[in-house]
Amino acid sequence: MLGLGSLFILFLLSLLTVQFVRLQWRSKRLPPGPTPLPIIGSLWQLKLLQFNRDVLMEVAKSYGDIYTLWIGWNPVIILNGFQAVKEGLTTNPEAVAGRPLTPIFRAMANNKGLLLATGRTWKNQRRFTLVTLKSLGLGKTSLEYKIQEEVHHLIDAFRNTRGKPTNPSFALTLAVSNVTCAVVFGHRFSSDNETFHQLLEAMECIFKFGGSLLHYFYDVFPWLMHRIPGRQKKMLLSFDLLRSVIRKEISNHQAAGMPEEPQDFIDFYLAQLEKSKDEPRPAYDEDNMIQCISDLFLGGTETSSTTLCWSLLYMVLYPDIQAKVQKEMDAVLAPGRMICYEDRKILPYTNAVIHEVQRFSNIIAIGMPRLCAKNFTLGQFHLQKGMVIFPNMASALYDPNEWKTPRQFSPGHFLDKDGNFTCPEAFIPFSMGHRVCLGDHLARTELFLFFANLLKTFTFHMAEGTKDVNTEPVVGGTLQPQYFEICAIPR
């Protein structure tokens, strides 16, 4: 007669067998992929614990450019390569405009704001933010002037190093974030501002957590991760700190009273709150305002500053390319003149270099997940409402079918045979479809103005004594370069 222990083991094995059969039945209706196991899904393949761009590209060689991975009990559809990403995000863009409300996304944003919200909330916040940014000068010279002001401050910061070795990360982050602060808060921070340093520390903690193994563990075991100490707790506290700073900025605006003409994002949002306060189901509230500002600050700072950091690293690693950029500028620009965004049209090589920096650094490790908002067909596969899709953006920017030498840094990817700038369709660092980055024009302007003006003013060298430079990225919410020091020599 079997004991209680043996009965329990038999029951457990029977339960796991039933779950295994159910998983196999469900997986037959989906794109192919590694065989899922109960509880752990596809993670029995240890390399998938990394869940990074190169691993996903490697798996595609076995299962095709549209395949399925299982995170625990949940299937995730992976899009690999430019054509699969393009088809998945643009053929029926409304169908993939959702965002999965995973446990970690709920803990971070609770379906508020822009980046991690979905459905009606996301549509309203995005529509309002786009209109407001245009009112604040997005795509106009008025906003370009704010960027150029930060260019002046950034040049001064490098000039003050007097050619001594320095890590450029802080100066670049300060410059880029102050553009966002001017748009959102209506003012900039000085380099010694204590609040600004707290914001940077909070932002660093948030992005280090993103893309980490703990991030995915939180989604598989939320009840456990919510209760035990660890980096996930520190990350959520960092979000709280960011929100507290934003609340203080909002309070300062409210204390000052509404101006006749709104001057920044907070002014516009407070006016919208007043306008919609009597609606039965108002689309706008203070929580959404705080989360929108948080998303603008995080998205507007981290991506552009990290790309600029890579750009300076590449210039010291490829001094011939740096010299060619400077030669082009010297040939067509008057000495001492500030470069404007319109100058990109007469600086095709410089423009090609900054685009190649974006492509090659490829700082978004994979891409944000999408949620199927309705049933739709992708290629030969029928995907159901509620399924999660991961577009591997890196696979498009490294696609050998789209780029001549995808794993080499080559500005020629963006030049035609006559040396004119050209932008291939596969250049999608800002994603595609309805969730394309709403700040892409601002980011393009920032990257060109900061990069071009820095190289017009300085020649950058690697710090003396530096031997081997590690170009493997530091993995997180974005892929950052390893710590390095350079010297900015005035021209």
Protein backbone atom coordinates (compact mmCIF):
# COMPACT_ATOMS: atom_id res chain seq x y z
CA MET A 1 0.00 0.00 0.00
CA LEU A 2 1.40 3.39 -0.99
CA GLY A 3 2.27 5.88 1.75
CA LEU A 4 1.15 9.50 1.81
CA GLY A 5 4.52 10.65 0.47
CA SER A 6 4.32 8.29 -2.49
CA LEU A 7 0.72 9.31 -3.19
CA PHE A 8 1.72 12.95 -3.16
CA ILE A 9 4.60 12.31 -5.60
CA LEU A 10 2.28 10.30 -7.86
CA PHE A 11 -0.30 13.08 -7.77
CA LEU A 12 2.36 15.69 -8.55
CA LEU A 13 3.73 13.67 -11.48
CA SER A 14 0.21 13.17 -12.82
CA LEU A 15 -0.50 16.91 -12.55
CA LEU A 16 2.75 17.80 -14.32
CA THR A 17 1.99 15.23 -17.06
CA VAL A 18 -1.45 16.74 -17.64
CA GLN A 19 0.04 20.25 -17.75
CA PHE A 20 2.75 19.07 -20.16
CA VAL A 21 0.15 17.61 -22.53
CA ARG A 22 -1.93 20.80 -22.34
CA LEU A 23 1.12 22.90 -23.17
CA GLN A 24 1.92 20.74 -26.20
CA TRP A 25 -1.67 21.03 -27.42
CA ARG A 26 -1.62 24.81 -27.02
CA SER A 27 1.79 25.15 -28.67
CA LYS A 28 0.60 23.34 -31.83
CA ARG A 29 -1.63 26.34 -32.63
CA LEU A 30 1.26 28.78 -32.37
CA PRO A 31 4.44 29.47 -34.36
CA PRO A 32 7.12 26.81 -33.75
CA GLY A 33 9.63 27.07 -30.93
CA PRO A 34 11.42 25.14 -28.18
CA THR A 35 9.23 22.56 -26.43
CA PRO A 36 7.66 24.17 -23.32
CA LEU A 37 7.73 22.46 -19.92
CA PRO A 38 5.33 23.07 -17.02
CA ILE A 39 6.20 26.01 -14.74
CA ILE A 40 9.46 26.96 -16.49
CA GLY A 41 8.21 27.09 -20.09
CA SER A 42 11.13 27.37 -22.54
CA LEU A 43 13.60 28.36 -19.82
CA TRP A 44 14.90 24.80 -19.55
CA GLN A 45 17.20 25.94 -22.35
CA LEU A 46 19.60 27.79 -20.10
CA LYS A 47 20.75 30.20 -22.80
CA LEU A 48 17.20 31.60 -22.91
CA LEU A 49 17.62 32.83 -19.33
CA GLN A 50 19.66 35.65 -20.88
CA PHE A 51 16.79 36.60 -23.24
CA ASN A 52 19.04 38.98 -25.17
CA ARG A 53 19.10 40.04 -28.82
CA ASP A 54 21.87 37.64 -29.90
CA VAL A 55 20.26 34.62 -28.25
CA LEU A 56 16.92 35.44 -29.90
CA MET A 57 18.63 35.77 -33.30
CA GLU A 58 20.35 32.41 -32.73
CA VAL A 59 17.05 30.68 -31.86
CA ALA A 60 15.52 32.06 -35.09
CA LYS A 61 18.01 29.99 -37.10
CA SER A 62 16.29 26.85 -35.80
CA TYR A 63 12.63 27.91 -35.84
CA GLY A 64 12.28 30.75 -38.36
CA ASP A 65 11.80 34.50 -38.01
CA ILE A 66 8.41 34.15 -36.29
CA TYR A 67 8.59 31.72 -33.39
CA THR A 68 7.25 31.10 -29.87
CA LEU A 69 8.99 31.12 -26.51
CA TRP A 70 7.21 30.31 -23.26
CA ILE A 71 7.81 32.41 -20.15
CA GLY A 72 6.33 30.15 -17.51
CA TRP A 73 2.81 29.30 -18.71
CA ASN A 74 2.64 32.23 -21.11
CA PRO A 75 3.54 32.11 -24.82
CA VAL A 76 5.52 35.02 -26.29
CA ILE A 77 5.76 35.48 -30.06
CA ILE A 78 9.22 36.62 -31.21
CA LEU A 79 9.65 38.62 -34.42
CA ASN A 80 13.16 38.36 -35.83
CA GLY A 81 14.65 40.20 -38.81
CA PHE A 82 13.44 43.37 -40.49
CA GLN A 83 10.75 41.81 -42.68
CA ALA A 84 9.15 39.91 -39.77
CA VAL A 85 9.29 42.99 -37.51
CA LYS A 86 7.86 45.21 -40.25
CA GLU A 87 5.05 42.78 -41.06
CA GLY A 88 4.24 42.21 -37.41
CA LEU A 89 4.08 45.90 -36.43
CA THR A 90 2.73 47.62 -39.54
CA THR A 91 0.49 45.24 -41.54
CA ASN A 92 -2.24 45.55 -38.90
CA PRO A 93 -0.85 48.17 -36.51
CA GLU A 94 -4.06 48.59 -34.51
CA ALA A 95 -4.01 44.89 -33.66
CA VAL A 96 -0.58 45.11 -31.98
CA ALA A 97 -0.89 48.54 -30.34
CA GLY A 98 -1.52 47.14 -26.86
CA ARG A 99 0.93 46.73 -24.02
CA PRO A 100 0.77 43.65 -21.76
CA LEU A 101 -0.04 44.61 -18.18
CA THR A 102 2.50 42.24 -16.70
CA PRO A 103 3.04 42.16 -12.92
CA ILE A 104 6.21 44.25 -13.17
CA PHE A 105 4.58 46.80 -15.51
CA ARG A 106 1.64 47.10 -13.12
CA ALA A 107 4.03 47.67 -10.23
CA MET A 108 5.87 50.34 -12.22
CA ALA A 109 2.98 52.26 -13.78
CA ASN A 110 -0.38 50.63 -13.00
CA ASN A 111 -1.64 51.26 -16.57
CA LYS A 112 -0.93 54.98 -16.40
CA GLY A 113 1.06 57.27 -18.68
CA LEU A 114 2.61 56.55 -22.07
CA LEU A 115 5.19 53.81 -22.07
CA LEU A 116 3.59 51.01 -20.04
CA ALA A 117 -0.11 51.82 -20.45
CA THR A 118 -2.57 50.25 -22.86
CA GLY A 119 -6.06 50.70 -24.26
CA ARG A 120 -8.06 53.89 -23.77
CA THR A 121 -5.62 55.26 -21.20
CA TRP A 122 -2.64 55.00 -23.54
CA LYS A 123 -4.51 56.43 -26.54
CA ASN A 124 -5.67 59.51 -24.63
CA GLN A 125 -2.29 60.19 -23.00
CA ARG A 126 -0.39 59.73 -26.26
CA ARG A 127 -2.77 61.95 -28.25
CA PHE A 128 -2.57 64.72 -25.65
CA THR A 129 1.22 64.47 -25.35
CA LEU A 130 1.77 64.66 -29.11
CA VAL A 131 -0.43 67.76 -29.43
CA THR A 132 1.27 69.36 -26.42
CA LEU A 133 4.81 68.69 -27.64
CA LYS A 134 3.94 70.26 -30.98
CA SER A 135 2.56 73.30 -29.13
CA LEU A 136 5.85 73.48 -27.23
CA GLY A 137 7.87 73.58 -30.44
CA LEU A 138 8.49 69.96 -31.47
CA GLY A 139 9.78 70.14 -35.02
CA LYS A 140 10.16 73.93 -34.86
CA THR A 141 13.13 76.25 -34.38
CA SER A 142 11.83 77.36 -30.96
CA LEU A 143 12.67 73.95 -29.48
CA GLU A 144 15.93 73.82 -31.42
CA TYR A 145 17.02 76.98 -29.61
CA LYS A 146 16.59 75.15 -26.27
CA ILE A 147 18.78 72.32 -27.54
CA GLN A 148 21.42 74.79 -28.74
CA GLU A 149 21.45 76.38 -25.29
CA GLU A 150 22.36 73.01 -23.84
CA VAL A 151 24.96 72.55 -26.59
CA HIS A 152 26.69 75.70 -25.28
CA HIS A 153 26.65 74.35 -21.72
CA LEU A 154 27.97 70.97 -22.89
CA ILE A 155 30.83 72.56 -24.84
CA ASP A 156 31.73 74.59 -21.74
CA ALA A 157 31.74 71.42 -19.65
CA PHE A 158 34.20 69.71 -22.00
CA ARG A 159 36.30 72.85 -22.32
CA ASN A 160 36.59 73.00 -18.52
CA THR A 161 38.26 69.57 -18.51
CA ARG A 162 41.27 71.28 -20.19
CA GLY A 163 42.09 68.20 -22.19
CA LYS A 164 42.37 65.94 -19.14
CA PRO A 165 40.82 62.45 -19.15
CA THR A 166 37.11 62.43 -18.34
CA ASN A 167 34.19 60.08 -18.60
CA PRO A 168 31.60 61.90 -20.76
CA SER A 169 28.52 60.17 -19.38
CA PHE A 170 27.47 62.73 -16.74
CA ALA A 171 27.96 65.79 -18.96
CA LEU A 172 25.99 64.18 -21.80
CA THR A 173 23.18 63.06 -19.49
CA LEU A 174 22.93 66.54 -17.95
CA ALA A 175 22.71 68.18 -21.38
CA VAL A 176 20.10 65.80 -22.80
CA SER A 177 17.95 65.68 -19.67
CA ASN A 178 17.91 69.48 -19.44
CA VAL A 179 16.25 69.63 -22.86
CA THR A 180 13.49 67.39 -21.48
CA CYS A 181 13.35 69.40 -18.25
CA ALA A 182 12.94 72.64 -20.19
CA VAL A 183 10.00 71.13 -22.10
CA VAL A 184 8.36 69.43 -19.11
CA PHE A 185 9.27 71.57 -16.09
CA GLY A 186 10.05 74.89 -17.78
CA HIS A 187 13.59 75.11 -16.36
CA ARG A 188 16.97 73.40 -16.42
CA PHE A 189 19.09 71.95 -13.60
CA SER A 190 22.64 72.99 -12.81
CA SER A 191 25.32 70.31 -12.66
CA ASP A 192 25.61 70.56 -8.86
CA ASN A 193 21.86 70.41 -8.16
CA GLU A 194 21.20 67.76 -5.51
CA THR A 195 17.74 66.91 -6.85
CA PHE A 196 19.17 66.31 -10.30
CA HIS A 197 21.79 63.92 -8.92
CA GLN A 198 19.02 62.02 -7.11
CA LEU A 199 17.08 61.78 -10.37
CA LEU A 200 20.12 60.40 -12.19
CA GLU A 201 20.70 57.78 -9.50
CA ALA A 202 17.03 56.76 -9.61
CA MET A 203 17.09 56.57 -13.40
CA GLU A 204 20.25 54.45 -13.36
CA CYS A 205 18.65 52.01 -10.91
CA ILE A 206 15.47 51.73 -13.01
CA PHE A 207 17.35 51.05 -16.25
CA LYS A 208 19.75 48.57 -14.65
CA PHE A 209 16.77 46.54 -13.49
CA GLY A 210 15.13 46.60 -16.94
CA GLY A 211 16.14 43.62 -19.03
CA SER A 212 17.68 41.82 -16.04
CA LEU A 213 16.85 38.26 -15.05
CA LEU A 214 15.00 39.59 -11.99
CA HIS A 215 12.72 41.54 -14.33
CA TYR A 216 11.50 38.30 -15.91
CA PHE A 217 11.39 36.43 -12.60
CA TYR A 218 9.04 39.12 -11.28
CA ASP A 219 6.59 38.36 -14.08
CA VAL A 220 6.76 34.60 -13.52
CA PHE A 221 6.71 34.70 -9.68
CA PRO A 222 5.17 38.09 -8.75
CA TRP A 223 3.79 36.88 -5.42
CA LEU A 224 7.32 35.89 -4.36
CA MET A 225 9.27 38.83 -5.81
CA HIS A 226 6.84 41.29 -4.22
CA ARG A 227 7.64 39.92 -0.77
CA ILE A 228 11.39 39.31 -0.75
CA PRO A 229 14.12 41.98 -0.66
CA GLY A 230 16.26 42.62 -3.72
CA ARG A 231 16.95 44.93 -6.64
CA GLN A 232 13.27 44.96 -7.59
CA LYS A 233 12.48 46.74 -4.32
CA LYS A 234 15.20 49.32 -4.92
CA MET A 235 13.92 49.89 -8.45
CA LEU A 236 10.36 50.55 -7.26
CA LEU A 237 11.69 52.93 -4.60
CA SER A 238 13.54 54.77 -7.37
CA PHE A 239 10.23 55.21 -9.19
CA ASP A 240 8.75 56.62 -5.98
CA LEU A 241 11.61 59.12 -5.73
CA LEU A 242 11.13 60.20 -9.35
CA ARG A 243 7.40 60.70 -8.78
CA SER A 244 8.02 62.71 -5.61
CA VAL A 245 10.24 65.14 -7.54
CA ILE A 246 7.58 65.46 -10.22
CA ARG A 247 4.89 66.12 -7.60
CA LYS A 248 7.02 68.90 -6.17
CA GLU A 249 7.37 70.47 -9.62
CA ILE A 250 3.60 70.25 -10.10
CA SER A 251 3.01 71.88 -6.69
CA ASN A 252 5.37 74.71 -7.62
CA HIS A 253 3.38 75.31 -10.81
CA GLN A 254 0.09 75.27 -8.92
CA ALA A 255 1.43 77.72 -6.33
CA ALA A 256 2.58 80.09 -9.06
CA GLY A 257 -0.86 80.05 -10.72
CA MET A 258 -1.75 79.37 -14.32
CA PRO A 259 -0.05 81.69 -16.83
CA GLU A 260 -2.09 83.21 -19.67
CA GLU A 261 -0.14 81.05 -22.12
CA PRO A 262 1.09 77.61 -21.00
CA GLN A 263 4.89 77.50 -20.97
CA ASP A 264 5.63 73.81 -20.42
CA PHE A 265 4.07 70.35 -20.30
CA ILE A 266 2.89 70.72 -16.70
CA ASP A 267 1.08 73.96 -17.56
CA PHE A 268 -0.72 72.28 -20.45
CA TYR A 269 -1.69 69.24 -18.38
CA LEU A 270 -2.98 71.32 -15.46
CA ALA A 271 -5.11 73.29 -17.92
CA GLN A 272 -6.44 70.00 -19.33
CA LEU A 273 -7.29 68.78 -15.82
CA GLU A 274 -9.29 71.92 -15.19
CA LYS A 275 -11.10 71.57 -18.52
CA SER A 276 -12.11 67.93 -17.97
CA LYS A 277 -12.76 67.90 -14.21
CA ASP A 278 -16.56 67.66 -14.57
CA GLU A 279 -16.55 64.80 -17.07
CA PRO A 280 -18.07 61.54 -15.74
CA ARG A 281 -15.04 59.46 -16.81
CA PRO A 282 -12.18 61.96 -17.18
CA ALA A 283 -9.32 60.66 -19.31
CA TYR A 284 -6.87 62.91 -17.50
CA ASP A 285 -5.87 62.86 -13.83
CA GLU A 286 -2.86 63.62 -11.67
CA ASP A 287 -1.61 60.02 -11.67
CA ASN A 288 -1.54 59.99 -15.47
CA MET A 289 0.17 63.37 -15.51
CA ILE A 290 2.90 62.17 -13.14
CA GLN A 291 3.43 58.96 -15.10
CA CYS A 292 3.53 60.81 -18.46
CA ILE A 293 6.19 63.15 -17.11
CA SER A 294 8.11 60.21 -15.68
CA ASP A 295 8.00 58.45 -19.07
CA LEU A 296 9.11 61.60 -20.91
CA PHE A 297 11.97 62.15 -18.50
CA LEU A 298 13.19 58.55 -18.58
CA GLY A 299 12.71 58.01 -22.31
CA GLY A 300 13.93 61.45 -23.28
CA THR A 301 17.12 61.25 -21.25
CA GLU A 302 18.46 57.72 -21.23
CA THR A 303 18.23 56.79 -24.90
CA SER A 304 19.79 59.94 -26.40
CA SER A 305 22.51 60.35 -23.77
CA THR A 306 23.53 56.68 -24.09
CA THR A 307 23.67 56.98 -27.90
CA LEU A 308 25.85 60.09 -27.61
CA CYS A 309 28.14 58.25 -25.21
CA TRP A 310 28.59 55.51 -27.81
CA SER A 311 29.19 58.14 -30.50
CA LEU A 312 32.20 59.59 -28.66
CA LEU A 313 33.56 56.13 -27.94
CA TYR A 314 33.34 55.22 -31.63
CA MET A 315 35.06 58.45 -32.63
CA VAL A 316 38.13 57.65 -30.51
CA LEU A 317 38.09 54.05 -31.73
CA TYR A 318 37.81 55.16 -35.38
CA PRO A 319 39.88 58.37 -35.57
CA ASP A 320 39.84 58.28 -39.38
CA ILE A 321 36.03 58.62 -39.31
CA GLN A 322 36.28 61.46 -36.79
CA ALA A 323 38.79 63.26 -39.04
CA LYS A 324 36.54 62.80 -42.07
CA VAL A 325 33.58 64.34 -40.19
CA GLN A 326 35.69 67.35 -39.23
CA LYS A 327 37.05 67.73 -42.77
CA GLU A 328 33.48 67.85 -44.12
CA MET A 329 32.48 70.51 -41.58
CA ASP A 330 35.55 72.65 -42.26
CA ALA A 331 34.81 72.59 -45.99
CA VAL A 332 31.22 73.90 -45.81
CA LEU A 333 30.77 75.73 -42.50
CA ALA A 334 32.06 79.13 -41.43
CA PRO A 335 34.37 79.05 -38.37
CA GLY A 336 32.69 79.80 -35.05
CA ARG A 337 29.11 79.30 -36.29
CA MET A 338 26.77 77.11 -34.26
CA ILE A 339 25.56 74.15 -36.28
CA CYS A 340 21.78 73.96 -36.73
CA TYR A 341 19.60 70.98 -37.65
CA GLU A 342 19.11 72.26 -41.20
CA ASP A 343 22.88 71.83 -41.73
CA ARG A 344 22.43 68.06 -41.88
CA LYS A 345 21.50 68.57 -45.55
CA ILE A 346 24.99 69.90 -46.34
CA LEU A 347 26.75 67.47 -43.99
CA PRO A 348 25.78 64.07 -45.43
CA TYR A 349 28.78 62.21 -44.01
CA THR A 350 28.27 63.64 -40.51
CA ASN A 351 24.59 62.75 -40.71
CA ALA A 352 25.50 59.23 -41.87
CA VAL A 353 27.90 58.78 -38.95
CA ILE A 354 25.32 59.62 -36.27
CA HIS A 355 22.79 57.30 -37.94
CA GLU A 356 25.40 54.53 -38.01
CA VAL A 357 26.05 55.14 -34.30
CA GLN A 358 22.34 54.56 -33.66
CA ARG A 359 22.28 51.43 -35.81
CA PHE A 360 25.51 49.88 -34.57
CA SER A 361 25.16 50.68 -30.85
CA ASN A 362 21.57 49.44 -31.06
CA ILE A 363 20.92 50.49 -27.48
CA ILE A 364 17.42 49.02 -27.11
CA ALA A 365 18.29 45.43 -26.30
CA ILE A 366 15.18 43.85 -27.80
CA GLY A 367 12.17 46.15 -27.89
CA MET A 368 9.13 46.71 -25.71
CA PRO A 369 6.52 43.92 -25.80
CA ARG A 370 3.25 44.44 -27.65
CA LEU A 371 -0.15 42.98 -26.79
CA CYS A 372 -2.55 41.67 -29.44
CA ALA A 373 -5.61 43.90 -29.06
CA LYS A 374 -7.65 41.58 -31.29
CA ASN A 375 -7.33 38.37 -33.28
CA PHE A 376 -5.28 38.75 -36.43
CA THR A 377 -3.20 36.79 -38.92
CA LEU A 378 0.57 37.18 -39.10
CA GLY A 379 1.99 35.34 -42.08
CA GLN A 380 0.61 31.81 -41.85
CA PHE A 381 -0.11 32.05 -38.13
CA HIS A 382 -3.37 33.05 -36.44
CA LEU A 383 -2.68 35.02 -33.26
CA GLN A 384 -5.35 35.53 -30.64
CA LYS A 385 -6.30 38.61 -28.65
CA GLY A 386 -4.26 38.85 -25.48
CA MET A 387 -1.09 37.25 -26.85
CA VAL A 388 2.26 38.97 -26.29
CA ILE A 389 4.61 39.85 -29.15
CA PHE A 390 8.28 40.77 -28.77
CA PRO A 391 9.79 42.53 -31.81
CA ASN A 392 13.55 41.97 -31.74
CA MET A 393 14.50 45.45 -32.96
CA ALA A 394 18.22 44.61 -32.92
CA SER A 395 17.67 41.87 -35.45
CA ALA A 396 16.37 44.46 -37.93
CA LEU A 397 19.32 46.79 -37.38
CA TYR A 398 21.74 43.85 -37.78
CA ASP A 399 19.83 42.04 -40.52
CA PRO A 400 22.37 40.74 -43.11
CA ASN A 401 19.63 40.90 -45.76
CA GLU A 402 19.32 44.66 -45.24
CA TRP A 403 22.85 45.83 -44.38
CA LYS A 404 26.03 45.16 -46.33
CA THR A 405 28.25 44.68 -43.25
CA PRO A 406 25.82 44.59 -40.29
CA ARG A 407 28.44 43.74 -37.65
CA GLN A 408 30.88 46.46 -38.70
CA PHE A 409 30.75 50.18 -37.95
CA SER A 410 30.39 51.71 -41.42
CA PRO A 411 28.82 55.12 -42.17
CA GLY A 412 28.60 53.93 -45.78
CA HIS A 413 25.39 52.14 -44.82
CA PHE A 414 23.75 55.58 -45.04
CA LEU A 415 25.44 56.96 -48.18
CA ASP A 416 24.67 56.31 -51.82
CA LYS A 417 27.34 55.85 -54.50
CA ASP A 418 27.58 59.64 -54.93
CA GLY A 419 28.11 60.30 -51.21
CA ASN A 420 24.58 61.60 -50.59
CA PHE A 421 22.79 60.70 -47.39
CA THR A 422 20.20 57.95 -47.69
CA CYS A 423 18.24 56.20 -44.96
CA PRO A 424 17.40 52.51 -45.56
CA GLU A 425 13.92 51.31 -44.60
CA ALA A 426 15.42 48.87 -42.08
CA PHE A 427 16.69 51.75 -39.92
CA ILE A 428 14.08 51.53 -37.14
CA PRO A 429 15.72 52.51 -33.82
CA PHE A 430 12.46 54.26 -32.82
CA SER A 431 10.31 51.18 -33.50
CA MET A 432 7.37 51.06 -35.95
CA GLY A 433 3.59 51.15 -36.04
CA HIS A 434 1.22 52.94 -33.68
CA ARG A 435 3.71 52.79 -30.81
CA VAL A 436 6.61 54.39 -32.64
CA CYS A 437 8.55 56.67 -30.27
CA LEU A 438 6.65 59.96 -30.04
CA GLY A 439 9.89 61.84 -29.35
CA ASP A 440 11.76 60.55 -32.39
CA HIS A 441 12.05 63.97 -34.07
CA LEU A 442 13.36 65.53 -30.84
CA ALA A 443 15.87 62.70 -30.44
CA ARG A 444 17.11 63.03 -34.04
CA THR A 445 17.57 66.78 -33.57
CA GLU A 446 19.39 66.34 -30.25
CA LEU A 447 21.73 63.67 -31.56
CA PHE A 448 22.74 65.65 -34.62
CA LEU A 449 23.20 68.99 -32.84
CA PHE A 450 25.13 67.64 -29.85
CA PHE A 451 27.33 65.32 -31.91
CA ALA A 452 28.09 67.74 -34.77
CA ASN A 453 28.83 70.73 -32.53
CA LEU A 454 31.09 68.68 -30.27
CA LEU A 455 33.15 67.41 -33.20
CA LYS A 456 33.31 70.89 -34.71
CA THR A 457 34.74 72.20 -31.42
CA PHE A 458 36.92 69.33 -30.18
CA THR A 459 38.99 66.40 -31.33
CA PHE A 460 38.49 63.43 -29.01
CA HIS A 461 41.27 61.03 -28.04
CA MET A 462 41.34 58.00 -25.78
CA ALA A 463 42.94 58.76 -22.42
CA GLU A 464 46.68 58.11 -22.42
CA GLY A 465 47.61 54.66 -21.16
CA THR A 466 44.32 53.09 -22.24
CA LYS A 467 45.02 49.73 -23.85
CA ASP A 468 42.17 47.42 -24.69
CA VAL A 469 38.72 49.03 -24.85
CA ASN A 470 35.84 46.73 -24.01
CA THR A 471 33.01 47.45 -26.45
CA GLU A 472 30.67 44.82 -25.01
CA PRO A 473 27.64 46.71 -23.66
CA VAL A 474 26.48 46.81 -20.07
CA VAL A 475 23.09 45.09 -20.25
CA GLY A 476 20.05 46.78 -18.76
CA GLY A 477 16.98 48.63 -19.97
CA THR A 478 19.39 50.15 -22.48
CA LEU A 479 22.79 48.86 -23.60
CA GLN A 480 25.39 51.26 -22.25
CA PRO A 481 29.12 51.34 -22.98
CA GLN A 482 31.56 50.17 -20.34
CA TYR A 483 33.24 52.93 -18.33
CA PHE A 484 35.83 54.76 -20.41
CA GLU A 485 37.74 58.05 -20.31
CA ILE A 486 38.54 60.37 -23.21
CA CYS A 487 40.29 63.68 -23.71
CA ALA A 488 38.56 66.62 -25.46
CA ILE A 489 41.21 68.70 -27.26
CA PRO A 490 39.97 72.08 -28.57
CA ARG A 491 40.44 72.46 -32.31
